[in-house]
PDB file of N, CA and C in Angstrom:
ATOM      1  N   MET A   1       0.840  -1.179   0.000  1.00  0.00           N
ATOM      2  CA  MET A   1       0.000   0.000   0.000  1.00  0.00           C
ATOM      3  C   MET A   1       0.886   1.243   0.000  1.00  0.00           C
ATOM      4  N   LEU A   2       0.591   2.162  -0.872  1.00  0.00           N
ATOM      5  CA  LEU A   2       1.319   3.417  -0.938  1.00  0.00           C
ATOM      6  C   LEU A   2       0.493   4.521  -0.303  1.00  0.00           C
ATOM      7  N   VAL A   3       1.191   5.463   0.302  1.00  0.00           N
ATOM      8  CA  VAL A   3       0.526   6.630   0.883  1.00  0.00           C
ATOM      9  C   VAL A   3       1.252   7.883   0.409  1.00  0.00           C
ATOM     10  N   LYS A   4       0.527   8.989   0.381  1.00  0.00           N
ATOM     11  CA  LYS A   4       1.140  10.275   0.071  1.00  0.00           C
ATOM     12  C   LYS A   4       1.483  10.963   1.379  1.00  0.00           C
ATOM     13  N   GLY A   5       2.609  11.669   1.385  1.00  0.00           N
ATOM     14  CA  GLY A   5       3.015  12.355   2.596  1.00  0.00           C
ATOM     15  C   GLY A   5       3.924  13.524   2.302  1.00  0.00           C
ATOM     16  N   ASN A   6       4.193  14.281   3.340  1.00  0.00           N
ATOM     17  CA  ASN A   6       5.093  15.418   3.271  1.00  0.00           C
ATOM     18  C   ASN A   6       6.207  15.238   4.284  1.00  0.00           C
ATOM     19  N   LEU A   7       7.427  15.630   3.914  1.00  0.00           N
ATOM     20  CA  LEU A   7       8.526  15.667   4.857  1.00  0.00           C
ATOM     21  C   LEU A   7       8.393  16.947   5.673  1.00  0.00           C
ATOM     22  N   SER A   8       8.408  16.805   6.982  1.00  0.00           N
ATOM     23  CA  SER A   8       8.257  17.942   7.874  1.00  0.00           C
ATOM     24  C   SER A   8       9.478  18.054   8.777  1.00  0.00           C
ATOM     25  N   LYS A   9       9.701  19.261   9.313  1.00  0.00           N
ATOM     26  CA  LYS A   9      10.856  19.494  10.169  1.00  0.00           C
ATOM     27  C   LYS A   9      10.493  20.480  11.275  1.00  0.00           C
ATOM     28  N   LYS A  10      11.048  20.238  12.458  1.00  0.00           N
ATOM     29  CA  LYS A  10      10.893  21.163  13.571  1.00  0.00           C
ATOM     30  C   LYS A  10      12.268  21.310  14.210  1.00  0.00           C
ATOM     31  N   THR A  11      12.625  22.538  14.596  1.00  0.00           N
ATOM     32  CA  THR A  11      13.865  22.803  15.307  1.00  0.00           C
ATOM     33  C   THR A  11      13.529  23.045  16.770  1.00  0.00           C
ATOM     34  N   ILE A  12      14.162  22.287  17.654  1.00  0.00           N
ATOM     35  CA  ILE A  12      13.903  22.367  19.092  1.00  0.00           C
ATOM     36  C   ILE A  12      15.117  23.014  19.740  1.00  0.00           C
ATOM     37  N   THR A  13      14.886  24.088  20.511  1.00  0.00           N
ATOM     38  CA  THR A  13      15.990  24.824  21.130  1.00  0.00           C
ATOM     39  C   THR A  13      15.842  24.954  22.640  1.00  0.00           C
ATOM     40  N   ALA A  14      14.883  24.241  23.213  1.00  0.00           N
ATOM     41  CA  ALA A  14      14.681  24.261  24.660  1.00  0.00           C
ATOM     42  C   ALA A  14      14.159  22.899  25.105  1.00  0.00           C
ATOM     43  N   SER A  15      14.446  22.543  26.355  1.00  0.00           N
ATOM     44  CA  SER A  15      13.949  21.282  26.907  1.00  0.00           C
ATOM     45  C   SER A  15      12.428  21.280  26.931  1.00  0.00           C
ATOM     46  N   GLN A  16      11.838  20.102  26.705  1.00  0.00           N
ATOM     47  CA  GLN A  16      10.388  19.942  26.715  1.00  0.00           C
ATOM     48  C   GLN A  16      10.046  18.606  27.352  1.00  0.00           C
ATOM     49  N   SER A  17       9.185  18.636  28.342  1.00  0.00           N
ATOM     50  CA  SER A  17       8.806  17.377  28.992  1.00  0.00           C
ATOM     51  C   SER A  17       7.677  16.668  28.253  1.00  0.00           C
ATOM     52  N   ASN A  18       7.057  17.338  27.288  1.00  0.00           N
ATOM     53  CA  ASN A  18       5.927  16.732  26.577  1.00  0.00           C
ATOM     54  C   ASN A  18       5.956  17.077  25.084  1.00  0.00           C
ATOM     55  N   PHE A  19       7.051  16.737  24.412  1.00  0.00           N
ATOM     56  CA  PHE A  19       7.166  16.969  22.973  1.00  0.00           C
ATOM     57  C   PHE A  19       6.247  15.996  22.243  1.00  0.00           C
ATOM     58  N   SER A  20       5.304  16.530  21.497  1.00  0.00           N
ATOM     59  CA  SER A  20       4.295  15.703  20.837  1.00  0.00           C
ATOM     60  C   SER A  20       4.822  15.055  19.562  1.00  0.00           C
ATOM     61  N   LEU A  21       4.593  13.749  19.452  1.00  0.00           N
ATOM     62  CA  LEU A  21       4.882  13.003  18.231  1.00  0.00           C
ATOM     63  C   LEU A  21       3.607  12.753  17.419  1.00  0.00           C
ATOM     64  N   LYS A  22       2.501  13.323  17.852  1.00  0.00           N
ATOM     65  CA  LYS A  22       1.207  13.060  17.226  1.00  0.00           C
ATOM     66  C   LYS A  22       1.257  13.346  15.725  1.00  0.00           C
ATOM     67  N   GLY A  23       0.861  12.347  14.939  1.00  0.00           N
ATOM     68  CA  GLY A  23       0.813  12.472  13.488  1.00  0.00           C
ATOM     69  C   GLY A  23       2.124  12.184  12.778  1.00  0.00           C
ATOM     70  N   MET A  24       3.186  11.892  13.539  1.00  0.00           N
ATOM     71  CA  MET A  24       4.497  11.651  12.922  1.00  0.00           C
ATOM     72  C   MET A  24       4.668  10.192  12.528  1.00  0.00           C
ATOM     73  N   ASN A  25       5.317   9.996  11.381  1.00  0.00           N
ATOM     74  CA  ASN A  25       5.704   8.670  10.911  1.00  0.00           C
ATOM     75  C   ASN A  25       7.221   8.690  10.749  1.00  0.00           C
ATOM     76  N   VAL A  26       7.905   7.715  11.284  1.00  0.00           N
ATOM     77  CA  VAL A  26       9.358   7.540  11.267  1.00  0.00           C
ATOM     78  C   VAL A  26      10.147   8.818  11.607  1.00  0.00           C
ATOM     79  N   PRO A  27       9.917   9.410  12.783  1.00  0.00           N
ATOM     80  CA  PRO A  27      10.676  10.608  13.138  1.00  0.00           C
ATOM     81  C   PRO A  27      12.146  10.297  13.394  1.00  0.00           C
ATOM     82  N   SER A  28      12.992  11.265  13.084  1.00  0.00           N
ATOM     83  CA  SER A  28      14.413  11.154  13.409  1.00  0.00           C
ATOM     84  C   SER A  28      14.856  12.472  14.038  1.00  0.00           C
ATOM     85  N   PHE A  29      15.799  12.365  14.960  1.00  0.00           N
ATOM     86  CA  PHE A  29      16.305  13.515  15.698  1.00  0.00           C
ATOM     87  C   PHE A  29      17.806  13.618  15.445  1.00  0.00           C
ATOM     88  N   THR A  30      18.291  14.832  15.164  1.00  0.00           N
ATOM     89  CA  THR A  30      19.709  15.086  14.959  1.00  0.00           C
ATOM     90  C   THR A  30      20.132  16.239  15.853  1.00  0.00           C
ATOM     91  N   ASN A  31      21.137  15.988  16.694  1.00  0.00           N
ATOM     92  CA  ASN A  31      21.647  17.026  17.577  1.00  0.00           C
ATOM     93  C   ASN A  31      22.645  17.876  16.801  1.00  0.00           C
ATOM     94  N   LYS A  32      22.231  19.097  16.436  1.00  0.00           N
ATOM     95  CA  LYS A  32      23.077  20.019  15.691  1.00  0.00           C
ATOM     96  C   LYS A  32      23.671  21.095  16.585  1.00  0.00           C
ATOM     97  N   GLY A  33      23.372  21.041  17.882  1.00  0.00           N
ATOM     98  CA  GLY A  33      23.916  22.018  18.815  1.00  0.00           C
ATOM     99  C   GLY A  33      25.201  21.538  19.458  1.00  0.00           C
ATOM    100  N   GLU A  34      25.622  22.264  20.494  1.00  0.00           N
ATOM    101  CA  GLU A  34      26.829  21.920  21.242  1.00  0.00           C
ATOM    102  C   GLU A  34      26.503  21.194  22.542  1.00  0.00           C
ATOM    103  N   SER A  35      25.269  21.320  23.026  1.00  0.00           N
ATOM    104  CA  SER A  35      24.855  20.668  24.267  1.00  0.00           C
ATOM    105  C   SER A  35      24.391  19.244  23.986  1.00  0.00           C
ATOM    106  N   PRO A  36      24.812  18.269  24.791  1.00  0.00           N
ATOM    107  CA  PRO A  36      24.202  16.946  24.690  1.00  0.00           C
ATOM    108  C   PRO A  36      22.703  17.069  24.988  1.00  0.00           C
ATOM    109  N   VAL A  37      21.909  16.149  24.440  1.00  0.00           N
ATOM    110  CA  VAL A  37      20.461  16.196  24.652  1.00  0.00           C
ATOM    111  C   VAL A  37      19.933  14.781  24.851  1.00  0.00           C
ATOM    112  N   MET A  38      19.043  14.626  25.818  1.00  0.00           N
ATOM    113  CA  MET A  38      18.405  13.342  26.110  1.00  0.00           C
ATOM    114  C   MET A  38      17.055  13.325  25.393  1.00  0.00           C
ATOM    115  N   VAL A  39      16.889  12.376  24.472  1.00  0.00           N
ATOM    116  CA  VAL A  39      15.640  12.237  23.710  1.00  0.00           C
ATOM    117  C   VAL A  39      14.998  10.923  24.110  1.00  0.00           C
ATOM    118  N   ASP A  40      13.934  10.999  24.889  1.00  0.00           N
ATOM    119  CA  ASP A  40      13.209   9.808  25.349  1.00  0.00           C
ATOM    120  C   ASP A  40      14.156   8.769  25.957  1.00  0.00           C
ATOM    121  N   GLY A  41      15.093   9.255  26.771  1.00  0.00           N
ATOM    122  CA  GLY A  41      16.006   8.360  27.462  1.00  0.00           C
ATOM    123  C   GLY A  41      17.274   8.002  26.705  1.00  0.00           C
ATOM    124  N   VAL A  42      17.433   8.515  25.484  1.00  0.00           N
ATOM    125  CA  VAL A  42      18.627   8.246  24.678  1.00  0.00           C
ATOM    126  C   VAL A  42      19.474   9.519  24.650  1.00  0.00           C
ATOM    127  N   LEU A  43      20.714   9.437  25.134  1.00  0.00           N
ATOM    128  CA  LEU A  43      21.598  10.598  25.162  1.00  0.00           C
ATOM    129  C   LEU A  43      22.283  10.774  23.809  1.00  0.00           C
ATOM    130  N   LEU A  44      22.083  11.959  23.212  1.00  0.00           N
ATOM    131  CA  LEU A  44      22.697  12.285  21.925  1.00  0.00           C
ATOM    132  C   LEU A  44      23.783  13.318  22.132  1.00  0.00           C
ATOM    133  N   ALA A  45      25.013  12.963  21.809  1.00  0.00           N
ATOM    134  CA  ALA A  45      26.103  13.928  21.806  1.00  0.00           C
ATOM    135  C   ALA A  45      25.938  14.816  20.566  1.00  0.00           C
ATOM    136  N   PRO A  46      26.606  15.964  20.532  1.00  0.00           N
ATOM    137  CA  PRO A  46      26.541  16.795  19.327  1.00  0.00           C
ATOM    138  C   PRO A  46      26.900  15.988  18.080  1.00  0.00           C
ATOM    139  N   GLY A  47      26.067  16.117  17.046  1.00  0.00           N
ATOM    140  CA  GLY A  47      26.272  15.412  15.784  1.00  0.00           C
ATOM    141  C   GLY A  47      25.630  14.040  15.698  1.00  0.00           C
ATOM    142  N   GLU A  48      25.125  13.521  16.820  1.00  0.00           N
ATOM    143  CA  GLU A  48      24.521  12.182  16.804  1.00  0.00           C
ATOM    144  C   GLU A  48      23.047  12.232  16.415  1.00  0.00           C
ATOM    145  N   ASN A  49      22.551  11.059  15.944  1.00  0.00           N
ATOM    146  CA  ASN A  49      21.174  10.900  15.481  1.00  0.00           C
ATOM    147  C   ASN A  49      20.445   9.834  16.285  1.00  0.00           C
ATOM    148  N   PHE A  50      19.131   9.965  16.316  1.00  0.00           N
ATOM    149  CA  PHE A  50      18.252   8.955  16.916  1.00  0.00           C
ATOM    150  C   PHE A  50      17.028   8.861  16.019  1.00  0.00           C
ATOM    151  N   SER A  51      16.717   7.657  15.541  1.00  0.00           N
ATOM    152  CA  SER A  51      15.578   7.467  14.642  1.00  0.00           C
ATOM    153  C   SER A  51      14.610   6.452  15.218  1.00  0.00           C
ATOM    154  N   VAL A  52      13.342   6.683  14.940  1.00  0.00           N
ATOM    155  CA  VAL A  52      12.289   5.734  15.307  1.00  0.00           C
ATOM    156  C   VAL A  52      11.838   5.081  14.007  1.00  0.00           C
ATOM    157  N   TYR A  53      12.190   3.798  13.828  1.00  0.00           N
ATOM    158  CA  TYR A  53      11.839   3.107  12.594  1.00  0.00           C
ATOM    159  C   TYR A  53      10.596   2.267  12.834  1.00  0.00           C
ATOM    160  N   ALA A  54       9.461   2.812  12.444  1.00  0.00           N
ATOM    161  CA  ALA A  54       8.181   2.114  12.567  1.00  0.00           C
ATOM    162  C   ALA A  54       7.332   2.495  11.353  1.00  0.00           C
ATOM    163  N   PRO A  55       7.733   2.037  10.156  1.00  0.00           N
ATOM    164  CA  PRO A  55       7.007   2.439   8.946  1.00  0.00           C
ATOM    165  C   PRO A  55       5.545   2.004   9.006  1.00  0.00           C
ATOM    166  N   GLY A  56       4.685   2.903   8.556  1.00  0.00           N
ATOM    167  CA  GLY A  56       3.260   2.609   8.542  1.00  0.00           C
ATOM    168  C   GLY A  56       2.565   2.895   9.862  1.00  0.00           C
ATOM    169  N   VAL A  57       3.324   3.321  10.874  1.00  0.00           N
ATOM    170  CA  VAL A  57       2.742   3.626  12.182  1.00  0.00           C
ATOM    171  C   VAL A  57       2.730   5.136  12.370  1.00  0.00           C
ATOM    172  N   ILE A  58       1.560   5.687  12.639  1.00  0.00           N
ATOM    173  CA  ILE A  58       1.430   7.111  12.918  1.00  0.00           C
ATOM    174  C   ILE A  58       1.424   7.267  14.439  1.00  0.00           C
ATOM    175  N   LEU A  59       2.452   7.911  14.958  1.00  0.00           N
ATOM    176  CA  LEU A  59       2.619   8.025  16.411  1.00  0.00           C
ATOM    177  C   LEU A  59       1.613   8.999  17.024  1.00  0.00           C
ATOM    178  N   GLN A  60       1.288   8.782  18.297  1.00  0.00           N
ATOM    179  CA  GLN A  60       0.290   9.589  18.991  1.00  0.00           C
ATOM    180  C   GLN A  60       0.765  10.114  20.346  1.00  0.00           C
ATOM    181  N   ASN A  61       1.938   9.683  20.815  1.00  0.00           N
ATOM    182  CA  ASN A  61       2.354   9.992  22.180  1.00  0.00           C
ATOM    183  C   ASN A  61       3.262  11.211  22.267  1.00  0.00           C
ATOM    184  N   GLU A  62       3.663  11.519  23.490  1.00  0.00           N
ATOM    185  CA  GLU A  62       4.603  12.592  23.769  1.00  0.00           C
ATOM    186  C   GLU A  62       5.858  11.983  24.381  1.00  0.00           C
ATOM    187  N   ILE A  63       7.001  12.654  24.195  1.00  0.00           N
ATOM    188  CA  ILE A  63       8.260  12.189  24.780  1.00  0.00           C
ATOM    189  C   ILE A  63       8.942  13.344  25.508  1.00  0.00           C
ATOM    190  N   ASP A  64       9.949  12.994  26.299  1.00  0.00           N
ATOM    191  CA  ASP A  64      10.729  13.952  27.058  1.00  0.00           C
ATOM    192  C   ASP A  64      12.006  14.285  26.293  1.00  0.00           C
ATOM    193  N   ILE A  65      12.301  15.576  26.137  1.00  0.00           N
ATOM    194  CA  ILE A  65      13.532  16.048  25.506  1.00  0.00           C
ATOM    195  C   ILE A  65      14.203  17.001  26.484  1.00  0.00           C
ATOM    196  N   GLN A  66      15.429  16.665  26.910  1.00  0.00           N
ATOM    197  CA  GLN A  66      16.135  17.479  27.900  1.00  0.00           C
ATOM    198  C   GLN A  66      17.562  17.758  27.445  1.00  0.00           C
ATOM    199  N   PHE A  67      17.878  19.034  27.265  1.00  0.00           N
ATOM    200  CA  PHE A  67      19.262  19.433  27.003  1.00  0.00           C
ATOM    201  C   PHE A  67      20.012  19.388  28.330  1.00  0.00           C
ATOM    202  N   THR A  68      21.245  18.892  28.311  1.00  0.00           N
ATOM    203  CA  THR A  68      21.951  18.633  29.567  1.00  0.00           C
ATOM    204  C   THR A  68      22.992  19.680  29.940  1.00  0.00           C
ATOM    205  N   ASP A  69      23.271  20.642  29.051  1.00  0.00           N
ATOM    206  CA  ASP A  69      24.253  21.680  29.357  1.00  0.00           C
ATOM    207  C   ASP A  69      23.695  23.037  28.946  1.00  0.00           C
ATOM    208  N   ASP A  70      23.218  23.810  29.932  1.00  0.00           N
ATOM    209  CA  ASP A  70      22.596  25.106  29.646  1.00  0.00           C
ATOM    210  C   ASP A  70      23.576  26.164  29.175  1.00  0.00           C
ATOM    211  N   THR A  71      24.883  25.904  29.277  1.00  0.00           N
ATOM    212  CA  THR A  71      25.875  26.895  28.857  1.00  0.00           C
ATOM    213  C   THR A  71      26.237  26.764  27.384  1.00  0.00           C
ATOM    214  N   LYS A  72      25.740  25.725  26.714  1.00  0.00           N
ATOM    215  CA  LYS A  72      26.094  25.491  25.310  1.00  0.00           C
ATOM    216  C   LYS A  72      24.866  25.647  24.410  1.00  0.00           C
ATOM    217  N   THR A  73      25.122  25.829  23.110  1.00  0.00           N
ATOM    218  CA  THR A  73      24.065  26.005  22.118  1.00  0.00           C
ATOM    219  C   THR A  73      23.174  24.771  22.057  1.00  0.00           C
ATOM    220  N   LYS A  74      21.853  25.012  22.078  1.00  0.00           N
ATOM    221  CA  LYS A  74      20.865  23.930  22.014  1.00  0.00           C
ATOM    222  C   LYS A  74      20.176  23.976  20.655  1.00  0.00           C
ATOM    223  N   MET A  75      20.316  22.899  19.879  1.00  0.00           N
ATOM    224  CA  MET A  75      19.644  22.818  18.578  1.00  0.00           C
ATOM    225  C   MET A  75      19.455  21.358  18.202  1.00  0.00           C
ATOM    226  N   LEU A  76      18.220  20.926  18.243  1.00  0.00           N
ATOM    227  CA  LEU A  76      17.858  19.553  17.892  1.00  0.00           C
ATOM    228  C   LEU A  76      16.879  19.613  16.729  1.00  0.00           C
ATOM    229  N   PHE A  77      17.225  18.953  15.620  1.00  0.00           N
ATOM    230  CA  PHE A  77      16.328  18.884  14.472  1.00  0.00           C
ATOM    231  C   PHE A  77      15.498  17.616  14.580  1.00  0.00           C
ATOM    232  N   CYS A  78      14.216  17.745  14.307  1.00  0.00           N
ATOM    233  CA  CYS A  78      13.320  16.595  14.219  1.00  0.00           C
ATOM    234  C   CYS A  78      12.724  16.587  12.819  1.00  0.00           C
ATOM    235  N   HIS A  79      12.919  15.500  12.089  1.00  0.00           N
ATOM    236  CA  HIS A  79      12.333  15.306  10.756  1.00  0.00           C
ATOM    237  C   HIS A  79      11.382  14.120  10.812  1.00  0.00           C
ATOM    238  N   TRP A  80      10.283  14.203  10.087  1.00  0.00           N
ATOM    239  CA  TRP A  80       9.331  13.105  10.035  1.00  0.00           C
ATOM    240  C   TRP A  80       8.484  13.219   8.777  1.00  0.00           C
ATOM    241  N   VAL A  81       7.734  12.164   8.502  1.00  0.00           N
ATOM    242  CA  VAL A  81       6.787  12.160   7.389  1.00  0.00           C
ATOM    243  C   VAL A  81       5.382  12.325   7.956  1.00  0.00           C
ATOM    244  N   SER A  82       4.652  13.287   7.399  1.00  0.00           N
ATOM    245  CA  SER A  82       3.235  13.468   7.726  1.00  0.00           C
ATOM    246  C   SER A  82       2.424  12.842   6.602  1.00  0.00           C
ATOM    247  N   VAL A  83       1.634  11.837   6.923  1.00  0.00           N
ATOM    248  CA  VAL A  83       0.795  11.172   5.923  1.00  0.00           C
ATOM    249  C   VAL A  83      -0.380  12.080   5.596  1.00  0.00           C
ATOM    250  N   ILE A  84      -0.617  12.309   4.298  1.00  0.00           N
ATOM    251  CA  ILE A  84      -1.733  13.165   3.907  1.00  0.00           C
ATOM    252  C   ILE A  84      -2.824  12.414   3.153  1.00  0.00           C
ATOM    253  N   GLU A  85      -2.474  11.266   2.538  1.00  0.00           N
ATOM    254  CA  GLU A  85      -3.505  10.530   1.817  1.00  0.00           C
ATOM    255  C   GLU A  85      -3.077   9.070   1.631  1.00  0.00           C
ATOM    256  N   ASN A  86      -4.016   8.186   1.855  1.00  0.00           N
ATOM    257  CA  ASN A  86      -3.825   6.757   1.592  1.00  0.00           C
ATOM    258  C   ASN A  86      -4.298   6.534   0.164  1.00  0.00           C
ATOM    259  N   THR A  87      -3.373   6.266  -0.777  1.00  0.00           N
ATOM    260  CA  THR A  87      -3.747   6.164  -2.186  1.00  0.00           C
ATOM    261  C   THR A  87      -4.510   4.900  -2.507  1.00  0.00           C
ATOM    262  N   ALA A  88      -4.417   3.861  -1.656  1.00  0.00           N
ATOM    263  CA  ALA A  88      -5.140   2.619  -1.911  1.00  0.00           C
ATOM    264  C   ALA A  88      -6.639   2.811  -1.697  1.00  0.00           C
ATOM    265  N   SER A  89      -7.022   3.541  -0.664  1.00  0.00           N
ATOM    266  CA  SER A  89      -8.434   3.699  -0.362  1.00  0.00           C
ATOM    267  C   SER A  89      -8.949   5.083  -0.724  1.00  0.00           C
ATOM    268  N   GLY A  90      -8.026   6.027  -0.951  1.00  0.00           N
ATOM    269  CA  GLY A  90      -8.433   7.389  -1.259  1.00  0.00           C
ATOM    270  C   GLY A  90      -8.804   8.186  -0.024  1.00  0.00           C
ATOM    271  N   SER A  91      -8.713   7.586   1.150  1.00  0.00           N
ATOM    272  CA  SER A  91      -9.075   8.335   2.354  1.00  0.00           C
ATOM    273  C   SER A  91      -7.976   9.324   2.704  1.00  0.00           C
ATOM    274  N   CYS A  92      -8.361  10.444   3.220  1.00  0.00           N
ATOM    275  CA  CYS A  92      -7.426  11.492   3.554  1.00  0.00           C
ATOM    276  C   CYS A  92      -7.260  11.585   5.061  1.00  0.00           C
ATOM    277  N   THR A  93      -6.014  11.677   5.515  1.00  0.00           N
ATOM    278  CA  THR A  93      -5.746  11.793   6.958  1.00  0.00           C
ATOM    279  C   THR A  93      -4.867  13.012   7.180  1.00  0.00           C
ATOM    280  N   GLN A  94      -5.343  14.170   6.778  1.00  0.00           N
ATOM    281  CA  GLN A  94      -4.577  15.418   6.862  1.00  0.00           C
ATOM    282  C   GLN A  94      -4.109  15.681   8.282  1.00  0.00           C
ATOM    283  N   ASN A  95      -2.837  16.017   8.445  1.00  0.00           N
ATOM    284  CA  ASN A  95      -2.268  16.345   9.753  1.00  0.00           C
ATOM    285  C   ASN A  95      -1.817  17.778   9.778  1.00  0.00           C
TER     286      ASN A  95
END
């Protein structure tokens, strides 16, 4: 089954205890700052990545994101696919 979607991106520059994954498919996080960051319990050093590989699953939960060094630059990129249409059935799931 094929679906139509859009690549989306969000830049996170502050800690968040309830970062929403609602509507995301296969999100990935890249630490582009200087501060290490904890993403749902996974510590990312600067330049490291964390991906959630669950194709076909649209996430609904929230996760914890905590930067661990307030004296350094905080920049975490989150990329994901937003499903906009299921081409097999024609149903639309706009996010």
